[in-house]
Structure formats: C-alpha cells, structure tokens
C-alpha cells in the first residue's frame, strides 16, 4: 500500500509539473473608453467596463491548485494594486465596491471576469491577469491596456524667424481674415498640442501637404489623476513668392474618431522684395530685324522667371514669356518676350522685335516683375539711330541743300 501511494504521488507530481508548464490563459483586447461624466447627472451615463481572463479546464486541473490574480498598475501613480486572488473553485460574485470579480464556467473552460464600475481617469493603466500555482508560482500572465481617453485641449501654431515669434494662432483662420505678410526667406513653423490622453497624432501642413516629422512628447498628471500629453513638432520652410495666399496649419487628435481634431491655421502672403532692373541702352534703325531689348533683374530674394512679363506702356496688353505677339493694327509688328535664370538671385529677360518700324521707336515698354500689389515696373525704350546707314537715310536739311547746290553748279 505504501508503495502504491508513493507511485501515485510520483505520477500526480509528474502530471502536475507537465500541466503547470503548458497551462495558459487568455484575456480580451485593449480597451479604449471615455470616462464617466463628472458630475454624473444621469445613472445611464455611467461607464462600466469588463476585463475577462479565461483558462481551459486542463489549465485549471484539480491536480494543480491554480489561482487567478488580477492586479492593476496605475498610469497616474505607477503603483500596483492587487485587486483579487481567488481559487478556480469560486462560485459566487465577490463585491469589492468599485471592482467585482465574477467566476463562471464556460464552454471552453473557466472565465474570471473583472468588472469596473464608473470608470474615471484614475482607472487608466495596465491590468494584469496571472495564473498562479500554489498562490506564488506564475504559470502564465497576460495584460490588458485600459485607456481612459481625453481629447486634445488646445493647439498652438506659431511662425518664427530665428528666435523671434512673428505670428501665432490657436484656432482656424477666418474666411475674411487678412494674410500675414512676410518677406521671402527661411521660417520655422511650430505646432504644439496639449491635454490629450493618449498622446495625440500631430501634423503640420503647408497648403494641405502634411508633415509628421519627429515630434517630441511629454507626459504629466493633472487634476483628477488625468494623464495629459503634450506633443510638438516643427519644420523649416523656405518661403518664396507665390501669386496665391499660402495656408499654414496644425492639426492634432487622438487616434480614432472619438473626437474631432483640433486645428489652428494662419494665412501667409510672401511679398516680393523690390528688385533692381537694369536694361541695355540700345540704338537701332528703322527696318532692323531681331532688335533685342535686354534687361537684368536682381534682388535680395529669389528671382523667378514666372514672375517676369513685358507690357506695352500705352495699353494694358501684357506680353507673356515665350509668346510671340502680332499687333492686329500692324502698329508693332511681331515681338516676343523670353527669360532665363542666371542664379537664384538673378534673371535675364529679353524683348525681341522682329522688324523695327517707326512705331517701335516711339513706344515705351514695361519690364514687369511680380503681380498685384507686389508688381514692380521698369520703363524702357529704343533709341533711333539718326546717322546714315545702309537701311536708313536721315540727314540734316542743311547737308541736303549743300548736295543739291553742288550738283546744280556742275550742270552749269
């Protein structure tokens, strides 16, 4: 009998060891939830959550006195709170005021459910279900992340040059809001979001183009043990003149669609720095072909050929680059404007007259740089060559009289 008992004990011990090695539990997915309103005016608005820890019948075998232990690590304090420890044989609810542990046998095994009533920000953290043997040895352990969410409280968008903050915004720019005027240059845009849980997703946008970059994040605990994240991101922009207004914006929101994103934006208008326009002082004769009026445009800011145009001074007709223009009245014949970038600060532009007539020498042309209120004009004209040439005979009247008299004297 003693031998049989010994053998039975050894077998039970072996079985227990094998089961202890392979025993596992499972828990539900992470939970994201809004807090119970404070103050709570309607009991129906109370927020309750359920965490479930399930083990199979094999895992909770009679031969191993397995226990389930729930513990909670607070996000706010990082303290660990032991919520319960009960044998798998528990058959009734265990009231614990805020926490209730329920045990039930289900089709796949045994479920140990932890119910939390009236969820608040202090319930944010990690809940751990441990399967213990003998009350001390951990056989398996699973965690559930509970996030009690809070929306982004505020966003701030700012634009800096060096250490100087030029403009800032904490809400979307209005439809009729005037644009902030800037000179071309490099500017740092910064977006900062505060007050959310979990940490927000944050984007800087220039004209709708998103930039996520590498933000910095800080966490603090504020009133009611609420976790609060601050996140900021910045980016350098090289702003050059564009005809349209540009829109810089910042958007932040926690993941998901529980809340609307917080947005701040500002309108920007980069003004053109007045350029220097130097044109060659050319002299030509009537009838000359391919007469070029050449000008050089320089500026402290970037010079772009798309900002260059030519114009007849006596009317509003603009000669766009690369376009050959023929006057319907045959007044100016054909002219063509072109532009070539020399470097970032310099461009050369030419107005070519295909066949010069008298009207060209009376006309004044404008070299235009910019648009709208930033339009800069420089007048230029062609000098008429009054000397004798193969294509043009213009001589003083006194000289003409002398020639005629000499010819008459020879005839006499």
Protein backbone atom coordinates (compact mmCIF):
# COMPACT_ATOMS: atom_id res chain seq x y z
CA UNK A 1 0.00 0.00 0.00
CA UNK A 2 2.81 2.38 0.86
CA UNK A 3 4.46 1.56 -2.47
CA UNK A 4 1.22 2.21 -4.37
CA UNK A 5 0.74 5.53 -2.61
CA UNK A 6 4.29 6.51 -3.44
CA UNK A 7 3.85 5.64 -7.11
CA UNK A 8 0.53 7.52 -7.23
CA UNK A 9 2.18 10.56 -5.67
CA UNK A 10 5.02 10.50 -8.19
CA UNK A 11 2.55 10.20 -11.11
CA UNK A 12 0.43 13.08 -9.79
CA UNK A 13 3.56 15.17 -9.34
CA UNK A 14 4.71 14.47 -12.91
CA UNK A 15 1.25 15.29 -14.32
CA UNK A 16 1.10 18.45 -12.25
CA UNK A 17 4.53 19.52 -13.48
CA UNK A 18 3.66 18.93 -17.14
CA UNK A 19 0.32 20.76 -16.83
CA UNK A 20 1.97 23.60 -14.93
CA UNK A 21 4.44 24.06 -17.79
CA UNK A 22 1.78 24.16 -20.50
CA UNK A 23 -1.04 25.95 -18.67
CA UNK A 24 -2.10 29.18 -20.36
CA UNK A 25 -4.72 31.88 -20.06
CA UNK A 26 -6.10 34.48 -22.46
CA UNK A 27 -7.50 37.98 -21.96
CA UNK A 28 -9.58 40.37 -24.04
CA UNK A 29 -8.18 43.10 -26.32
CA UNK A 30 -7.13 46.52 -25.10
CA UNK A 31 -9.98 48.81 -24.09
CA UNK A 32 -10.33 52.46 -25.06
CA UNK A 33 -13.17 54.25 -23.31
CA UNK A 34 -14.45 57.70 -22.35
CA UNK A 35 -14.72 58.44 -18.61
CA UNK A 36 -17.91 58.61 -16.61
CA UNK A 37 -19.23 62.20 -16.74
CA UNK A 38 -18.41 64.27 -13.69
CA UNK A 39 -20.78 65.24 -12.21
CA UNK A 40 -22.95 62.27 -13.12
CA UNK A 41 -26.49 63.58 -13.61
CA UNK A 42 -27.97 60.50 -15.25
CA UNK A 43 -27.06 57.00 -13.96
CA UNK A 44 -27.46 55.71 -17.51
CA UNK A 45 -24.35 57.71 -18.46
CA UNK A 46 -22.15 55.77 -16.07
CA UNK A 47 -19.33 53.98 -17.88
CA UNK A 48 -18.57 50.38 -16.86
CA UNK A 49 -16.01 48.04 -18.43
CA UNK A 50 -15.37 44.31 -18.25
CA UNK A 51 -11.99 42.55 -18.32
CA UNK A 52 -12.04 38.81 -18.90
CA UNK A 53 -9.38 36.22 -18.15
CA UNK A 54 -10.06 32.70 -19.48
CA UNK A 55 -8.31 29.43 -18.73
CA UNK A 56 -9.10 25.96 -20.09
CA UNK A 57 -10.21 23.05 -17.94
CA UNK A 58 -6.80 21.48 -18.43
CA UNK A 59 -5.06 24.62 -17.25
CA UNK A 60 -7.18 24.67 -14.13
CA UNK A 61 -6.88 20.97 -13.42
CA UNK A 62 -7.82 19.61 -9.99
CA UNK A 63 -4.29 18.32 -9.56
CA UNK A 64 -2.87 21.85 -9.58
CA UNK A 65 -4.35 24.28 -7.10
CA UNK A 66 -4.25 27.11 -9.63
CA UNK A 67 -5.42 30.60 -8.73
CA UNK A 68 -6.28 33.69 -10.75
CA UNK A 69 -4.89 37.00 -9.60
CA UNK A 70 -5.88 40.42 -11.06
CA UNK A 71 -3.61 43.39 -10.42
CA UNK A 72 -3.63 46.98 -11.64
CA UNK A 73 -0.70 49.28 -12.43
CA UNK A 74 -1.91 52.87 -12.50
CA UNK A 75 -0.73 55.13 -15.31
CA UNK A 76 -1.04 58.07 -12.93
CA UNK A 77 0.94 56.81 -9.95
CA UNK A 78 2.68 53.69 -11.31
CA UNK A 79 1.58 51.97 -8.09
CA UNK A 80 0.49 48.33 -8.32
CA UNK A 81 -2.84 47.48 -6.73
CA UNK A 82 -3.75 43.83 -6.09
CA UNK A 83 -7.45 43.54 -6.83
CA UNK A 84 -8.22 39.92 -6.04
CA UNK A 85 -6.94 36.39 -5.60
CA UNK A 86 -9.42 33.57 -5.78
CA UNK A 87 -9.35 29.83 -6.33
CA UNK A 88 -10.77 28.45 -9.55
CA UNK A 89 -13.49 26.86 -7.43
CA UNK A 90 -15.08 30.22 -6.54
CA UNK A 91 -18.78 30.09 -7.37
CA UNK A 92 -20.12 33.48 -6.31
CA UNK A 93 -19.56 37.17 -7.01
CA UNK A 94 -17.07 38.92 -4.79
CA UNK A 95 -18.24 42.51 -4.21
CA UNK A 96 -15.37 44.96 -3.89
CA UNK A 97 -17.25 48.26 -4.23
CA UNK A 98 -15.71 49.64 -7.44
CA UNK A 99 -14.41 46.24 -8.54
CA UNK A 100 -16.35 42.97 -8.86
CA UNK A 101 -14.78 39.62 -9.64
CA UNK A 102 -17.11 37.13 -11.31
CA UNK A 103 -16.35 33.47 -11.84
CA UNK A 104 -18.18 31.20 -14.26
CA UNK A 105 -17.71 28.00 -16.14
CA UNK A 106 -17.99 28.46 -19.90
CA UNK A 107 -17.87 26.07 -22.86
CA UNK A 108 -14.10 26.44 -23.31
CA UNK A 109 -13.10 26.45 -19.67
CA UNK A 110 -13.31 28.96 -16.81
CA UNK A 111 -13.71 32.73 -17.01
CA UNK A 112 -12.58 35.14 -14.30
CA UNK A 113 -14.16 38.49 -15.12
CA UNK A 114 -13.18 41.76 -13.51
CA UNK A 115 -15.90 44.43 -13.72
CA UNK A 116 -15.02 48.07 -13.08
CA UNK A 117 -17.90 50.42 -12.35
CA UNK A 118 -17.97 54.14 -13.04
CA UNK A 119 -14.70 54.39 -14.95
CA UNK A 120 -12.69 57.54 -14.24
CA UNK A 121 -9.27 58.81 -15.34
CA UNK A 122 -7.70 57.10 -12.32
CA UNK A 123 -8.61 53.73 -13.87
CA UNK A 124 -6.24 54.36 -16.80
CA UNK A 125 -3.42 51.81 -16.78
CA UNK A 126 -2.43 48.18 -17.22
CA UNK A 127 -4.44 45.30 -15.77
CA UNK A 128 -2.61 42.00 -15.35
CA UNK A 129 -4.20 38.58 -15.04
CA UNK A 130 -1.84 36.00 -13.54
CA UNK A 131 -2.34 32.24 -13.36
CA UNK A 132 -0.63 31.08 -10.18
CA UNK A 133 0.24 27.67 -8.82
CA UNK A 134 0.24 27.34 -5.09
CA UNK A 135 -0.52 31.04 -4.77
CA UNK A 136 3.05 32.10 -5.64
CA UNK A 137 4.39 30.48 -8.81
CA UNK A 138 3.35 32.30 -12.00
CA UNK A 139 2.37 29.78 -14.67
CA UNK A 140 1.10 32.33 -17.19
CA UNK A 141 0.42 36.04 -17.26
CA UNK A 142 -1.45 38.34 -19.65
CA UNK A 143 -2.09 42.11 -19.64
CA UNK A 144 -4.90 44.39 -20.81
CA UNK A 145 -4.28 48.07 -21.52
CA UNK A 146 -7.16 50.32 -20.46
CA UNK A 147 -7.03 53.85 -21.85
CA UNK A 148 -9.47 56.40 -20.47
CA UNK A 149 -9.41 58.97 -23.26
CA UNK A 150 -9.46 62.75 -23.21
CA UNK A 151 -9.44 64.98 -26.31
CA UNK A 152 -6.75 67.49 -27.21
CA UNK A 153 -7.41 70.58 -25.09
CA UNK A 154 -5.62 73.06 -27.33
CA UNK A 155 -3.23 73.54 -30.21
CA UNK A 156 -0.91 76.45 -30.86
CA UNK A 157 0.64 77.24 -34.22
CA UNK A 158 3.50 79.71 -34.42
CA UNK A 159 5.85 81.02 -37.09
CA UNK A 160 9.33 82.13 -36.13
CA UNK A 161 12.36 83.65 -37.80
CA UNK A 162 15.37 82.89 -35.67
CA UNK A 163 14.29 83.28 -32.05
CA UNK A 164 11.56 85.82 -32.83
CA UNK A 165 7.95 84.67 -32.93
CA UNK A 166 6.29 86.59 -35.75
CA UNK A 167 2.75 85.18 -35.75
CA UNK A 168 0.72 82.66 -33.76
CA UNK A 169 -2.75 81.10 -33.93
CA UNK A 170 -4.86 78.85 -31.69
CA UNK A 171 -7.85 78.42 -34.00
CA UNK A 172 -8.59 78.15 -37.74
CA UNK A 173 -8.08 81.31 -39.78
CA UNK A 174 -11.34 83.02 -40.72
CA UNK A 175 -12.56 83.25 -44.31
CA UNK A 176 -12.15 87.02 -44.37
CA UNK A 177 -9.03 87.08 -42.22
CA UNK A 178 -6.16 89.04 -43.74
CA UNK A 179 -2.97 87.22 -44.64
CA UNK A 180 0.18 87.78 -42.60
CA UNK A 181 2.76 89.44 -44.84
CA UNK A 182 6.33 88.16 -45.00
CA UNK A 183 9.50 88.75 -46.92
CA UNK A 184 10.91 85.73 -48.76
CA UNK A 185 13.18 83.68 -46.52
CA UNK A 186 13.51 80.72 -44.14
CA UNK A 187 10.96 80.39 -41.35
CA UNK A 188 10.36 77.82 -38.61
CA UNK A 189 6.78 76.65 -38.17
CA UNK A 190 5.94 75.05 -34.81
CA UNK A 191 2.81 73.19 -33.73
CA UNK A 192 2.10 72.22 -30.12
CA UNK A 193 -0.83 70.16 -28.83
CA UNK A 194 -1.71 69.76 -25.14
CA UNK A 195 -4.08 67.92 -22.84
CA UNK A 196 -4.91 64.61 -24.51
CA UNK A 197 -4.83 61.01 -23.42
CA UNK A 198 -3.36 59.02 -25.09
CA UNK A 199 -0.69 61.06 -26.85
CA UNK A 200 -2.08 62.71 -29.98
CA UNK A 201 -1.20 62.37 -33.62
CA UNK A 202 0.06 65.74 -34.82
CA UNK A 203 0.66 67.21 -38.28
CA UNK A 204 1.99 70.44 -39.75
CA UNK A 205 0.51 71.31 -43.12
CA UNK A 206 1.51 73.85 -45.75
CA UNK A 207 -1.23 74.25 -48.36
CA UNK A 208 -2.63 70.84 -47.35
CA UNK A 209 0.68 68.94 -47.62
CA UNK A 210 1.15 67.04 -44.36
CA UNK A 211 4.38 66.81 -42.41
CA UNK A 212 4.62 64.44 -39.43
CA UNK A 213 8.37 64.53 -38.81
CA UNK A 214 9.84 63.53 -35.45
CA UNK A 215 7.78 65.16 -32.69
CA UNK A 216 8.76 65.47 -29.04
CA UNK A 217 6.39 64.23 -26.34
CA UNK A 218 5.98 64.96 -22.63
CA UNK A 219 3.53 63.48 -20.14
CA UNK A 220 2.12 64.88 -16.92
CA UNK A 221 -0.66 64.09 -14.44
CA UNK A 222 -3.14 66.86 -13.81
CA UNK A 223 -6.46 67.26 -11.99
CA UNK A 224 -8.47 64.13 -11.18
CA UNK A 225 -5.38 61.99 -11.82
CA UNK A 226 -5.81 62.59 -15.54
CA UNK A 227 -2.83 61.71 -17.77
CA UNK A 228 -2.11 64.65 -20.05
CA UNK A 229 0.21 64.55 -23.07
CA UNK A 230 1.97 67.48 -24.70
CA UNK A 231 3.34 66.96 -28.19
CA UNK A 232 5.08 69.38 -30.52
CA UNK A 233 6.58 69.34 -33.97
CA UNK A 234 8.47 71.91 -36.04
CA UNK A 235 9.70 72.31 -39.59
CA UNK A 236 11.76 74.83 -41.55
CA UNK A 237 10.08 76.29 -44.64
CA UNK A 238 11.80 78.25 -47.40
CA UNK A 239 9.02 80.64 -48.34
CA UNK A 240 9.15 82.29 -51.76
CA UNK A 241 6.63 84.50 -53.50
CA UNK A 242 3.53 82.90 -54.96
CA UNK A 243 0.58 84.61 -56.54
CA UNK A 244 -1.85 82.89 -54.18
CA UNK A 245 -2.04 83.09 -50.42
CA UNK A 246 -0.46 80.18 -48.60
CA UNK A 247 -2.09 78.46 -45.63
CA UNK A 248 -0.03 77.05 -42.76
CA UNK A 249 -1.97 74.85 -40.37
CA UNK A 250 -1.58 72.50 -37.42
CA UNK A 251 -3.88 69.53 -36.70
CA UNK A 252 -3.90 67.23 -33.67
CA UNK A 253 -6.19 64.47 -32.43
CA UNK A 254 -6.02 61.20 -30.54
CA UNK A 255 -6.17 58.06 -32.72
CA UNK A 256 -9.63 57.00 -33.82
CA UNK A 257 -12.78 59.00 -34.38
CA UNK A 258 -14.00 59.63 -30.84
CA UNK A 259 -13.30 63.36 -31.10
CA UNK A 260 -12.93 65.99 -33.80
CA UNK A 261 -9.35 67.18 -34.42
CA UNK A 262 -8.18 70.49 -33.03
CA UNK A 263 -6.96 72.83 -35.78
CA UNK A 264 -5.08 76.11 -35.82
CA UNK A 265 -4.13 77.88 -39.05
CA UNK A 266 -2.86 81.14 -40.49
CA UNK A 267 -2.73 82.72 -43.92
CA UNK A 268 0.60 83.86 -45.29
CA UNK A 269 1.49 86.14 -48.19
CA UNK A 270 5.12 86.44 -49.16
CA UNK A 271 5.84 89.87 -50.58
CA UNK A 272 8.35 90.47 -53.34
CA UNK A 273 11.39 92.48 -52.34
CA UNK A 274 11.67 95.31 -54.86
CA UNK A 275 14.16 94.14 -57.49
CA UNK A 276 16.77 96.11 -59.42
CA UNK A 277 16.10 96.11 -63.16
CA UNK A 278 18.91 97.26 -65.48
CA UNK A 279 18.36 97.41 -69.24
CA UNK A 280 20.87 97.96 -72.03
CA UNK A 281 20.59 101.38 -73.71
CA UNK A 282 20.33 100.28 -77.33
CA UNK A 283 20.20 102.32 -80.53
CA UNK A 284 18.77 100.87 -83.74
CA UNK A 285 17.49 101.95 -87.13
CA UNK A 286 14.10 101.62 -88.77
CA UNK A 287 13.92 98.34 -90.67
CA UNK A 288 16.41 96.47 -88.45
CA UNK A 289 15.47 92.84 -87.82
CA UNK A 290 15.59 90.99 -84.48
CA UNK A 291 16.11 94.01 -82.29
CA UNK A 292 16.64 92.79 -78.68
CA UNK A 293 15.89 94.83 -75.56
CA UNK A 294 17.88 93.04 -72.86
CA UNK A 295 17.36 93.55 -69.11
CA UNK A 296 18.89 92.03 -65.97
CA UNK A 297 16.73 91.54 -62.85
CA UNK A 298 18.44 91.13 -59.48
CA UNK A 299 17.07 91.01 -55.93
CA UNK A 300 17.98 90.15 -52.35
CA UNK A 301 15.32 87.43 -52.50
CA UNK A 302 14.87 84.68 -55.08
CA UNK A 303 14.20 85.86 -58.64
CA UNK A 304 11.86 83.62 -60.61
CA UNK A 305 11.16 83.88 -64.34
CA UNK A 306 7.49 83.05 -63.76
CA UNK A 307 7.20 86.47 -62.11
CA UNK A 308 8.52 88.27 -65.26
CA UNK A 309 6.41 89.77 -68.03
CA UNK A 310 6.55 92.61 -70.57
CA UNK A 311 3.89 95.18 -71.36
CA UNK A 312 3.13 97.91 -73.88
CA UNK A 313 3.08 101.13 -71.84
CA UNK A 314 0.27 102.72 -73.86
CA UNK A 315 -2.18 99.88 -73.21
CA UNK A 316 -2.85 97.03 -70.80
CA UNK A 317 -1.74 94.22 -73.08
CA UNK A 318 0.81 92.01 -71.34
CA UNK A 319 3.34 90.03 -73.33
CA UNK A 320 3.79 86.71 -71.54
CA UNK A 321 7.05 84.80 -71.71
CA UNK A 322 7.62 82.66 -74.77
CA UNK A 323 4.69 84.23 -76.61
CA UNK A 324 5.08 85.99 -79.99
CA UNK A 325 2.62 88.87 -80.26
CA UNK A 326 1.48 90.49 -83.51
CA UNK A 327 -0.46 93.71 -83.29
CA UNK A 328 -3.78 93.45 -85.18
CA UNK A 329 -3.30 97.07 -86.29
CA UNK A 330 0.18 96.33 -87.60
CA UNK A 331 1.43 99.00 -85.25
CA UNK A 332 4.12 96.97 -83.56
CA UNK A 333 4.51 94.02 -85.94
CA UNK A 334 5.82 90.98 -84.00
CA UNK A 335 7.50 90.97 -80.57
CA UNK A 336 8.49 88.08 -78.31
CA UNK A 337 9.44 88.01 -74.59
CA UNK A 338 11.82 85.48 -73.02
CA UNK A 339 13.53 84.94 -69.64
CA UNK A 340 16.47 82.87 -68.42
CA UNK A 341 17.53 82.30 -64.80
CA UNK A 342 21.20 83.05 -64.16
CA UNK A 343 21.16 82.01 -60.50
CA UNK A 344 18.74 82.19 -57.55
CA UNK A 345 19.08 85.99 -57.30
CA UNK A 346 19.43 86.93 -60.98
CA UNK A 347 17.48 86.52 -64.22
CA UNK A 348 17.91 87.92 -67.71
CA UNK A 349 14.90 88.82 -69.84
CA UNK A 350 14.70 89.94 -73.46
CA UNK A 351 12.00 91.51 -75.63
CA UNK A 352 12.82 90.83 -79.28
CA UNK A 353 11.31 92.96 -82.07
CA UNK A 354 11.30 91.03 -85.31
CA UNK A 355 11.27 94.08 -87.60
CA UNK A 356 11.62 97.59 -86.25
CA UNK A 357 9.34 100.27 -87.65
CA UNK A 358 8.79 103.88 -86.66
CA UNK A 359 6.22 102.97 -84.02
CA UNK A 360 8.75 100.89 -82.08
CA UNK A 361 10.94 103.93 -81.53
CA UNK A 362 8.05 105.97 -80.22
CA UNK A 363 6.84 103.21 -77.89
CA UNK A 364 7.69 102.71 -74.22
CA UNK A 365 7.76 99.15 -72.86
CA UNK A 366 7.49 97.97 -69.26
CA UNK A 367 9.53 95.16 -67.79
CA UNK A 368 7.23 93.76 -65.06
CA UNK A 369 8.28 91.72 -62.06
CA UNK A 370 5.65 90.39 -59.62
CA UNK A 371 1.87 90.54 -59.53
CA UNK A 372 -0.89 92.51 -57.85
CA UNK A 373 0.23 94.86 -55.10
CA UNK A 374 3.77 93.47 -55.45
CA UNK A 375 4.07 94.43 -59.13
CA UNK A 376 7.26 96.37 -59.96
CA UNK A 377 7.66 98.08 -63.35
CA UNK A 378 10.65 99.44 -65.20
CA UNK A 379 10.17 101.53 -68.39
CA UNK A 380 12.48 101.02 -71.36
CA UNK A 381 12.57 102.26 -74.98
CA UNK A 382 14.71 102.01 -78.14
CA UNK A 383 16.79 104.93 -79.35
CA UNK A 384 16.54 105.80 -83.05
CA UNK A 385 19.81 105.92 -84.95
CA UNK A 386 19.82 109.25 -86.83
CA UNK A 387 23.06 108.65 -88.69
CA UNK A 388 23.30 107.48 -92.34
CA UNK A 389 23.14 103.72 -92.70
CA UNK A 390 22.54 101.26 -95.48
CA UNK A 391 18.99 100.77 -94.38
CA UNK A 392 18.11 104.30 -93.36
CA UNK A 393 18.92 107.74 -94.84
CA UNK A 394 18.23 110.53 -92.42
CA UNK A 395 20.43 113.65 -92.87
CA UNK A 396 20.20 117.22 -91.71
CA UNK A 397 18.38 119.63 -94.11
CA UNK A 398 21.48 121.84 -94.43
CA UNK A 399 23.51 118.91 -95.73
CA UNK A 400 20.77 118.06 -98.26
CA UNK A 401 20.74 121.67 -99.54
CA UNK A 402 24.55 121.60 -99.92
CA UNK A 403 24.44 118.42 -102.01
CA UNK A 404 21.71 119.74 -104.32
CA UNK A 405 23.54 123.07 -104.87
CA UNK A 406 26.77 121.27 -105.72
CA UNK A 407 25.03 119.14 -108.31
CA UNK A 408 23.40 122.18 -109.90
CA UNK A 409 26.73 124.03 -110.10
CA UNK A 410 28.29 121.15 -112.03
CA UNK A 411 25.50 121.23 -114.56
CA UNK A 412 26.06 124.87 -115.13
